[in-house]
Amino acid sequence: MSVVVMGTGMHPWGKWGRPFLDYGVAAAREALKDAGLAWTDVQFVVGADTIRNGYPGFVSGASYAKALGWSGARVASCYAACASGAQALDIARARILAGLCDVALVIGADATPKGFFKPVGGDRPDDPDWLRFRLLGATNPAYFALYARRRMAVHGSTPADFAAVKVKNALAGSLNPMARYRERVTAEQVLASPMVADPLHLMDICATSDGGAAVVLASEGYARRHGGTLVRLAAVSTVTPTFPNTVLELPDFATDSRVTEPPPGHRPFRAAIAHAAYEEAGLGPQDVSLAEVYDLSTALELDWMEDVGLCPPGEADKLLRDGQTALGGRIPVNPSGGLASFGEAIPAQAIAQLCELTAQLSGRAGPRQVENARVGLAANQGLFGHGSAIIATR
């Protein structure tokens, strides 16, 4: 049995100042319309949680079901930080594969505060991520800057390379009606924007945004009977780190680790996330037509390209400079515009990535369309070791 994406829907990203439920319900209705289904056709609802938005955010599955109109559908809610959407998709997919339902609706939405994120959920002295805020004062931009500095030291990347990532993604975002930022930019504008955490400028760092995304998943048999799309959800990876590499995603911040392939069974965490998805789908990086990766900063996009296997370590800059990761290139990266164009709406992110993969694989991406797209990869990562990678195929 295969699980397919029958419909997708989004609420435009921005700063709208409304409750997260508004965004999620709007996205859900669009997804149902795209699938040609009624809300009452849905047998299972999974909500990706948003813990900044009060009790309704903690029980988002039921919150969405109530807002759409109690129908008797089964429901689940889950939280996995930035991997929440992938976890929600995995829950729905598993229920369909188990034969317990034929059609499921997965929804994620967020209403974010102004400025950068701060820790939520109380004191966590055993959590390295919380400790970096408390002991080092290292907010997310400072954290991203450490990765950027390491990339410059190990691989020779430059601020101009980082600016080129923003230019590429802004161009793609200008073609996406769901994106928050739809203005094209130049490298000079990026490098002239305020320095936030050296070497990252304001335009190198993604914003926090309001937004929502939803998908209708179904068994292939159900979709065929209803004339739905046959974009298959071939794999969802939610792996955790492997001991002893339990904190840092890279082998060692303090060393020049120019390895081309980690020892078998000991891949760095981000690489392990993607490779678990490849193994499940029976595919490899060489099969990927396009990728949506987690560009919290411009520098991190380059790291993720290498982590998911699109090129060996240290070679992402060359792909970028050669135009291979741009629209029209050999392997477009973040053809949606990425977080650079959207900003973070945490529970919706992985779901929005699947929306883009589906649009590309079904030939409905308009001016962003990747020619002959057959395999799409999406990857991001949540706190506490939540992996998040998705492979969709035509």
Protein backbone atom coordinates (compact mmCIF):
# COMPACT_ATOMS: atom_id res chain seq x y z
CA MET A 1 0.00 0.00 0.00
CA SER A 2 1.15 3.55 -0.76
CA VAL A 3 0.19 6.80 0.92
CA VAL A 4 -0.42 9.71 -1.43
CA VAL A 5 -0.98 13.44 -1.10
CA MET A 6 -4.49 14.18 -2.36
CA GLY A 7 -4.56 17.87 -1.56
CA THR A 8 -2.50 20.74 -0.14
CA GLY A 9 -3.39 24.13 1.26
CA MET A 10 -1.64 27.08 2.87
CA HIS A 11 -2.41 30.38 4.53
CA PRO A 12 0.07 33.06 3.38
CA TRP A 13 2.95 33.67 5.78
CA GLY A 14 3.19 37.13 7.36
CA LYS A 15 2.46 39.01 10.57
CA TRP A 16 -1.31 39.05 10.57
CA GLY A 17 -2.02 39.30 14.31
CA ARG A 18 -4.78 36.71 14.37
CA PRO A 19 -5.14 33.42 16.31
CA PHE A 20 -3.24 30.43 14.91
CA LEU A 21 -6.54 28.58 14.42
CA ASP A 22 -7.53 31.07 11.72
CA TYR A 23 -4.46 30.18 9.69
CA GLY A 24 -4.77 26.44 10.22
CA VAL A 25 -8.46 26.30 9.37
CA ALA A 26 -7.93 28.37 6.22
CA ALA A 27 -5.11 26.03 5.11
CA ALA A 28 -7.23 22.95 5.90
CA ARG A 29 -10.15 24.19 3.85
CA GLU A 30 -7.83 24.89 0.92
CA ALA A 31 -6.36 21.38 1.19
CA LEU A 32 -9.82 19.79 1.24
CA LYS A 33 -10.86 21.87 -1.76
CA ASP A 34 -7.70 20.82 -3.60
CA ALA A 35 -8.45 17.17 -2.82
CA GLY A 36 -12.08 17.50 -3.91
CA LEU A 37 -13.27 16.26 -0.51
CA ALA A 38 -15.62 17.49 2.19
CA TRP A 39 -14.56 17.93 5.80
CA THR A 40 -16.91 15.08 6.73
CA ASP A 41 -14.89 12.73 4.47
CA VAL A 42 -11.91 13.05 6.79
CA GLN A 43 -11.50 10.09 9.15
CA PHE A 44 -8.42 11.21 11.09
CA VAL A 45 -7.05 14.65 11.99
CA VAL A 46 -3.53 15.32 13.23
CA GLY A 47 -2.55 18.73 14.54
CA ALA A 48 1.06 19.83 14.84
CA ASP A 49 1.16 21.70 18.15
CA THR A 50 2.18 25.30 18.80
CA ILE A 51 3.03 25.71 22.47
CA ARG A 52 3.21 29.52 22.43
CA ASN A 53 -0.50 29.84 21.74
CA GLY A 54 -2.15 28.72 24.95
CA TYR A 55 -3.99 25.52 25.72
CA PRO A 56 -5.63 25.30 22.25
CA GLY A 57 -2.11 25.13 20.82
CA PHE A 58 -1.20 22.17 23.05
CA VAL A 59 -4.23 20.21 21.81
CA SER A 60 -4.22 21.54 18.27
CA GLY A 61 -5.73 18.43 16.69
CA ALA A 62 -8.91 18.78 18.73
CA SER A 63 -8.81 22.56 18.35
CA TYR A 64 -8.84 22.25 14.57
CA ALA A 65 -11.53 19.55 14.66
CA LYS A 66 -13.75 21.79 16.77
CA ALA A 67 -13.14 24.83 14.56
CA LEU A 68 -13.95 22.85 11.40
CA GLY A 69 -17.06 21.38 13.06
CA TRP A 70 -17.22 18.28 15.24
CA SER A 71 -17.61 15.36 12.84
CA GLY A 72 -16.64 12.33 14.90
CA ALA A 73 -13.24 12.04 13.22
CA ARG A 74 -10.43 10.55 15.28
CA VAL A 75 -7.80 13.01 16.36
CA ALA A 76 -4.18 13.31 17.50
CA SER A 77 -1.85 16.17 18.45
CA CYS A 78 1.93 16.22 18.57
CA TYR A 79 4.83 18.53 19.36
CA ALA A 80 8.41 18.15 18.14
CA ALA A 81 9.54 21.77 17.78
CA CYS A 82 10.51 22.44 14.14
CA ALA A 83 9.92 18.76 13.33
CA SER A 84 6.30 18.90 14.54
CA GLY A 85 4.88 18.86 11.03
CA ALA A 86 6.91 15.82 10.02
CA GLN A 87 5.87 13.97 13.18
CA ALA A 88 2.22 14.79 12.42
CA LEU A 89 2.62 13.51 8.86
CA ASP A 90 4.26 10.34 10.15
CA ILE A 91 1.39 9.68 12.57
CA ALA A 92 -1.22 10.10 9.82
CA ARG A 93 0.76 8.03 7.33
CA ALA A 94 1.21 5.19 9.83
CA ARG A 95 -2.52 5.02 10.50
CA ILE A 96 -3.27 4.81 6.78
CA LEU A 97 -0.59 2.14 6.24
CA ALA A 98 -2.05 0.16 9.15
CA GLY A 99 -5.40 0.10 7.36
CA LEU A 100 -7.12 2.01 10.17
CA CYS A 101 -8.28 4.83 7.91
CA ASP A 102 -8.25 5.84 4.26
CA VAL A 103 -8.05 9.62 4.47
CA ALA A 104 -6.35 11.92 7.00
CA LEU A 105 -5.93 15.66 7.35
CA VAL A 106 -2.68 17.06 8.77
CA ILE A 107 -2.60 20.71 9.88
CA GLY A 108 0.04 23.02 11.33
CA ALA A 109 -0.14 26.75 12.05
CA ASP A 110 1.54 29.33 14.24
CA ALA A 111 1.10 32.87 15.52
CA THR A 112 4.56 34.06 16.54
CA PRO A 113 5.77 36.91 18.75
CA LYS A 114 7.71 39.86 17.41
CA GLY A 115 11.46 39.31 17.29
CA PHE A 116 13.49 36.15 17.65
CA PHE A 117 12.28 33.09 19.56
CA LYS A 118 13.10 32.65 23.22
CA PRO A 119 12.95 29.40 25.22
CA VAL A 120 9.50 28.22 26.24
CA GLY A 121 8.33 25.48 28.56
CA GLY A 122 10.11 26.47 31.76
CA ASP A 123 13.63 25.79 33.04
CA ARG A 124 15.42 22.84 31.43
CA PRO A 125 18.90 22.63 33.02
CA ASP A 126 19.54 19.24 31.39
CA ASP A 127 18.90 20.61 27.89
CA PRO A 128 21.96 21.98 26.03
CA ASP A 129 19.77 24.18 23.88
CA TRP A 130 18.20 25.87 26.92
CA LEU A 131 21.64 26.19 28.50
CA ARG A 132 23.03 28.10 25.55
CA PHE A 133 20.38 30.77 26.16
CA ARG A 134 20.81 30.80 29.93
CA LEU A 135 24.58 30.44 30.32
CA LEU A 136 25.92 31.92 27.10
CA GLY A 137 23.19 34.36 26.14
CA ALA A 138 23.34 32.72 22.73
CA THR A 139 20.06 33.44 21.01
CA ASN A 140 19.26 31.67 17.76
CA PRO A 141 21.12 34.19 15.54
CA ALA A 142 24.29 33.77 17.65
CA TYR A 143 23.89 30.01 17.39
CA PHE A 144 23.55 30.24 13.61
CA ALA A 145 26.59 32.53 13.49
CA LEU A 146 28.75 29.90 15.19
CA TYR A 147 27.90 27.48 12.40
CA ALA A 148 28.64 30.15 9.82
CA ARG A 149 32.03 30.89 11.39
CA ARG A 150 32.86 27.20 11.44
CA ARG A 151 31.93 26.87 7.79
CA MET A 152 34.18 29.79 6.90
CA ALA A 153 37.08 28.28 8.86
CA VAL A 154 36.71 24.72 7.58
CA HIS A 155 35.45 25.15 4.02
CA GLY A 156 36.45 28.69 3.08
CA SER A 157 32.95 30.03 2.64
CA THR A 158 32.60 33.80 2.56
CA PRO A 159 29.91 36.34 3.49
CA ALA A 160 29.46 36.81 -0.25
CA ASP A 161 28.51 33.13 -0.54
CA PHE A 162 25.97 33.53 2.24
CA ALA A 163 24.54 36.61 0.54
CA ALA A 164 24.22 34.63 -2.71
CA VAL A 165 21.96 32.12 -0.92
CA LYS A 166 19.62 34.94 0.09
CA VAL A 167 19.61 36.36 -3.44
CA LYS A 168 18.70 32.93 -4.86
CA ASN A 169 15.94 32.28 -2.34
CA ALA A 170 14.50 35.77 -2.61
CA LEU A 171 14.15 35.30 -6.36
CA ALA A 172 12.25 32.05 -5.81
CA GLY A 173 10.16 33.64 -3.07
CA SER A 174 9.20 36.52 -5.36
CA LEU A 175 7.40 33.91 -7.48
CA ASN A 176 5.51 32.32 -4.56
CA PRO A 177 2.20 33.93 -3.53
CA MET A 178 2.35 32.23 -0.12
CA ALA A 179 5.71 33.79 0.82
CA ARG A 180 5.96 36.65 3.30
CA TYR A 181 8.89 38.38 1.60
CA ARG A 182 8.40 38.72 -2.13
CA GLU A 183 10.98 41.34 -3.03
CA ARG A 184 14.07 40.36 -4.98
CA VAL A 185 17.34 41.49 -3.39
CA THR A 186 20.93 41.98 -4.45
CA ALA A 187 24.06 40.70 -2.74
CA GLU A 188 24.96 44.31 -2.01
CA GLN A 189 21.69 44.81 -0.15
CA VAL A 190 22.27 41.68 1.93
CA LEU A 191 25.82 42.71 2.86
CA ALA A 192 24.67 46.25 3.68
CA SER A 193 21.87 45.09 5.99
CA PRO A 194 22.55 45.43 9.75
CA MET A 195 25.01 42.97 11.29
CA VAL A 196 23.11 40.79 13.79
CA ALA A 197 25.65 38.12 14.76
CA ASP A 198 28.96 38.27 12.91
CA PRO A 199 29.19 37.16 10.10
CA LEU A 200 25.42 37.06 9.63
CA HIS A 201 23.53 40.15 8.53
CA LEU A 202 19.83 40.73 9.08
CA MET A 203 18.99 39.43 5.61
CA ASP A 204 21.00 36.25 6.28
CA ILE A 205 18.61 35.20 9.07
CA CYS A 206 15.02 34.02 8.75
CA ALA A 207 12.23 35.89 10.50
CA THR A 208 9.46 34.57 12.75
CA SER A 209 6.10 34.49 10.99
CA ASP A 210 2.42 33.67 11.24
CA GLY A 211 1.22 31.08 8.76
CA GLY A 212 -0.42 27.74 8.20
CA ALA A 213 -0.21 24.64 6.01
CA ALA A 214 -2.26 21.49 5.60
CA VAL A 215 -2.27 18.31 3.53
CA VAL A 216 -4.80 15.60 2.85
CA LEU A 217 -3.18 12.17 2.88
CA ALA A 218 -4.94 9.07 1.59
CA SER A 219 -4.37 5.46 0.69
CA GLU A 220 -3.56 5.08 -3.00
CA GLY A 221 -6.71 3.07 -3.56
CA TYR A 222 -8.90 5.77 -2.05
CA ALA A 223 -7.16 8.47 -4.10
CA ARG A 224 -7.60 6.53 -7.35
CA ARG A 225 -11.31 6.07 -6.65
CA HIS A 226 -11.69 9.80 -6.09
CA GLY A 227 -9.49 10.98 -8.94
CA GLY A 228 -6.83 12.42 -6.66
CA THR A 229 -3.19 13.22 -7.33
CA LEU A 230 -0.70 10.38 -7.15
CA VAL A 231 2.21 12.19 -5.54
CA ARG A 232 3.43 9.53 -3.15
CA LEU A 233 4.73 10.14 0.34
CA ALA A 234 7.56 7.66 -0.07
CA ALA A 235 9.35 8.19 3.28
CA VAL A 236 9.21 10.14 6.52
CA SER A 237 12.29 10.07 8.72
CA THR A 238 11.98 11.01 12.39
CA VAL A 239 15.24 9.48 13.64
CA THR A 240 17.05 10.56 16.80
CA PRO A 241 20.82 11.05 17.24
CA THR A 242 23.14 8.09 17.73
CA PHE A 243 25.35 7.93 20.84
CA PRO A 244 27.87 9.43 21.42
CA ASN A 245 26.97 12.14 18.91
CA THR A 246 24.00 13.35 20.95
CA VAL A 247 24.32 17.12 20.93
CA LEU A 248 26.30 18.57 18.04
CA GLU A 249 25.13 17.93 14.52
CA LEU A 250 28.71 18.14 13.25
CA PRO A 251 31.49 15.66 14.18
CA ASP A 252 33.48 18.16 16.23
CA PHE A 253 33.29 21.93 16.41
CA ALA A 254 36.94 22.14 17.49
CA THR A 255 38.56 20.18 14.67
CA ASP A 256 38.95 20.43 10.95
CA SER A 257 36.84 17.36 10.12
CA ARG A 258 37.15 17.19 6.34
CA VAL A 259 35.83 13.68 6.03
CA THR A 260 33.94 12.72 2.91
CA GLU A 261 31.96 9.95 4.59
CA PRO A 262 31.53 9.28 8.32
CA PRO A 263 32.10 5.70 9.53
CA PRO A 264 29.17 3.35 8.81
CA GLY A 265 26.47 3.70 11.43
CA HIS A 266 27.94 6.91 12.84
CA ARG A 267 26.70 9.64 10.54
CA PRO A 268 26.27 13.08 12.08
CA PHE A 269 22.68 13.66 13.13
CA ARG A 270 21.54 15.82 10.23
CA ALA A 271 23.05 13.40 7.71
CA ALA A 272 21.38 10.49 9.49
CA ILE A 273 17.98 12.16 9.20
CA ALA A 274 18.17 12.33 5.41
CA HIS A 275 19.81 8.97 4.86
CA ALA A 276 17.14 7.18 6.89
CA ALA A 277 14.59 8.64 4.49
CA TYR A 278 16.64 7.56 1.46
CA GLU A 279 16.85 4.02 2.79
CA GLU A 280 13.12 3.83 3.43
CA ALA A 281 12.29 5.14 -0.04
CA GLY A 282 14.89 2.95 -1.76
CA LEU A 283 16.48 6.05 -3.30
CA GLY A 284 19.65 8.08 -2.94
CA PRO A 285 20.77 11.69 -3.21
CA GLN A 286 21.51 11.16 -6.89
CA ASP A 287 17.79 10.62 -7.51
CA VAL A 288 16.65 13.94 -6.01
CA SER A 289 15.16 16.48 -8.43
CA LEU A 290 14.74 19.28 -5.88
CA ALA A 291 15.22 19.83 -2.16
CA GLU A 292 13.63 21.98 0.51
CA VAL A 293 16.12 22.38 3.36
CA TYR A 294 16.18 24.18 6.66
CA ASP A 295 17.66 27.61 5.88
CA LEU A 296 17.38 29.19 9.32
CA SER A 297 20.36 31.16 8.07
CA THR A 298 21.93 31.43 4.65
CA ALA A 299 25.03 29.59 5.89
CA LEU A 300 22.95 26.71 7.23
CA GLU A 301 21.46 26.09 3.80
CA LEU A 302 24.96 25.26 2.56
CA ASP A 303 25.55 22.92 5.51
CA TRP A 304 22.25 21.14 4.93
CA MET A 305 22.99 20.63 1.23
CA GLU A 306 26.02 18.61 2.25
CA ASP A 307 24.26 16.87 5.14
CA VAL A 308 21.51 15.50 2.88
CA GLY A 309 24.10 14.27 0.40
CA LEU A 310 23.56 16.63 -2.53
CA CYS A 311 27.32 17.16 -2.63
CA PRO A 312 30.40 16.21 -0.57
CA PRO A 313 31.39 18.35 2.43
CA GLY A 314 32.79 21.71 1.38
CA GLU A 315 31.33 21.69 -2.13
CA ALA A 316 27.96 23.38 -1.56
CA ASP A 317 29.49 26.80 -2.24
CA LYS A 318 30.65 25.65 -5.68
CA LEU A 319 27.18 24.33 -6.58
CA LEU A 320 25.73 27.66 -5.49
CA ARG A 321 28.28 29.75 -7.43
CA ASP A 322 27.71 27.66 -10.55
CA GLY A 323 23.95 28.28 -10.37
CA GLN A 324 23.17 24.58 -9.90
CA THR A 325 20.93 25.17 -6.85
CA ALA A 326 18.92 27.99 -8.42
CA LEU A 327 15.68 27.64 -10.37
CA GLY A 328 16.71 26.20 -13.71
CA GLY A 329 19.81 24.60 -12.19
CA ARG A 330 20.61 20.91 -11.92
CA ILE A 331 19.31 20.52 -8.34
CA PRO A 332 17.18 23.47 -7.21
CA VAL A 333 17.34 24.01 -3.43
CA ASN A 334 14.45 25.81 -1.70
CA PRO A 335 12.49 26.56 -4.89
CA SER A 336 9.66 27.72 -2.60
CA GLY A 337 11.88 30.57 -1.42
CA GLY A 338 12.69 28.74 1.82
CA LEU A 339 12.55 30.19 5.30
CA ALA A 340 14.43 33.18 3.88
CA SER A 341 11.19 34.13 2.12
CA PHE A 342 8.68 32.68 4.58
CA GLY A 343 10.09 32.95 8.08
CA GLU A 344 9.41 30.39 10.78
CA ALA A 345 5.87 29.30 11.60
CA ILE A 346 7.13 26.28 13.48
CA PRO A 347 4.34 23.65 13.35
CA ALA A 348 3.63 24.44 9.71
CA GLN A 349 7.18 24.27 8.34
CA ALA A 350 7.56 20.60 7.40
CA ILE A 351 3.97 20.52 6.13
CA ALA A 352 4.64 23.57 3.95
CA GLN A 353 7.72 21.82 2.60
CA LEU A 354 5.53 18.88 1.53
CA CYS A 355 3.12 21.34 -0.08
CA GLU A 356 6.01 22.61 -2.23
CA LEU A 357 7.20 19.11 -3.10
CA THR A 358 3.65 18.19 -4.13
CA ALA A 359 3.25 21.30 -6.28
CA GLN A 360 6.54 20.59 -8.03
CA LEU A 361 5.96 16.88 -8.57
CA SER A 362 2.45 17.45 -9.92
CA GLY A 363 3.62 20.20 -12.28
CA ARG A 364 1.64 22.95 -10.55
CA ALA A 365 4.42 25.22 -9.28
CA GLY A 366 3.91 27.84 -11.98
CA PRO A 367 6.94 30.08 -12.60
CA ARG A 368 8.88 28.14 -9.94
CA GLN A 369 8.38 24.82 -11.72
CA VAL A 370 11.36 22.48 -11.71
CA GLU A 371 11.53 20.72 -15.07
CA ASN A 372 10.91 16.95 -15.01
CA ALA A 373 10.67 16.84 -11.22
CA ARG A 374 10.28 13.24 -10.08
CA VAL A 375 11.74 13.04 -6.54
CA GLY A 376 11.58 15.74 -3.88
CA LEU A 377 13.38 15.81 -0.53
CA ALA A 378 12.54 18.05 2.44
CA ALA A 379 14.56 18.20 5.63
CA ASN A 380 14.65 20.11 8.89
CA GLN A 381 15.27 19.36 12.54
CA GLY A 382 13.58 19.90 15.90
CA LEU A 383 15.03 20.40 19.35
CA PHE A 384 15.71 17.43 21.67
CA GLY A 385 16.89 15.29 18.75
CA HIS A 386 13.79 15.28 16.58
CA GLY A 387 14.67 14.35 13.03
CA SER A 388 12.56 15.51 10.11
CA ALA A 389 12.97 14.43 6.50
CA ILE A 390 10.38 13.69 3.84
CA ILE A 391 10.69 12.14 0.40
CA ALA A 392 7.87 12.49 -2.11
CA THR A 393 7.84 10.91 -5.55
CA ARG A 394 5.83 11.17 -8.72
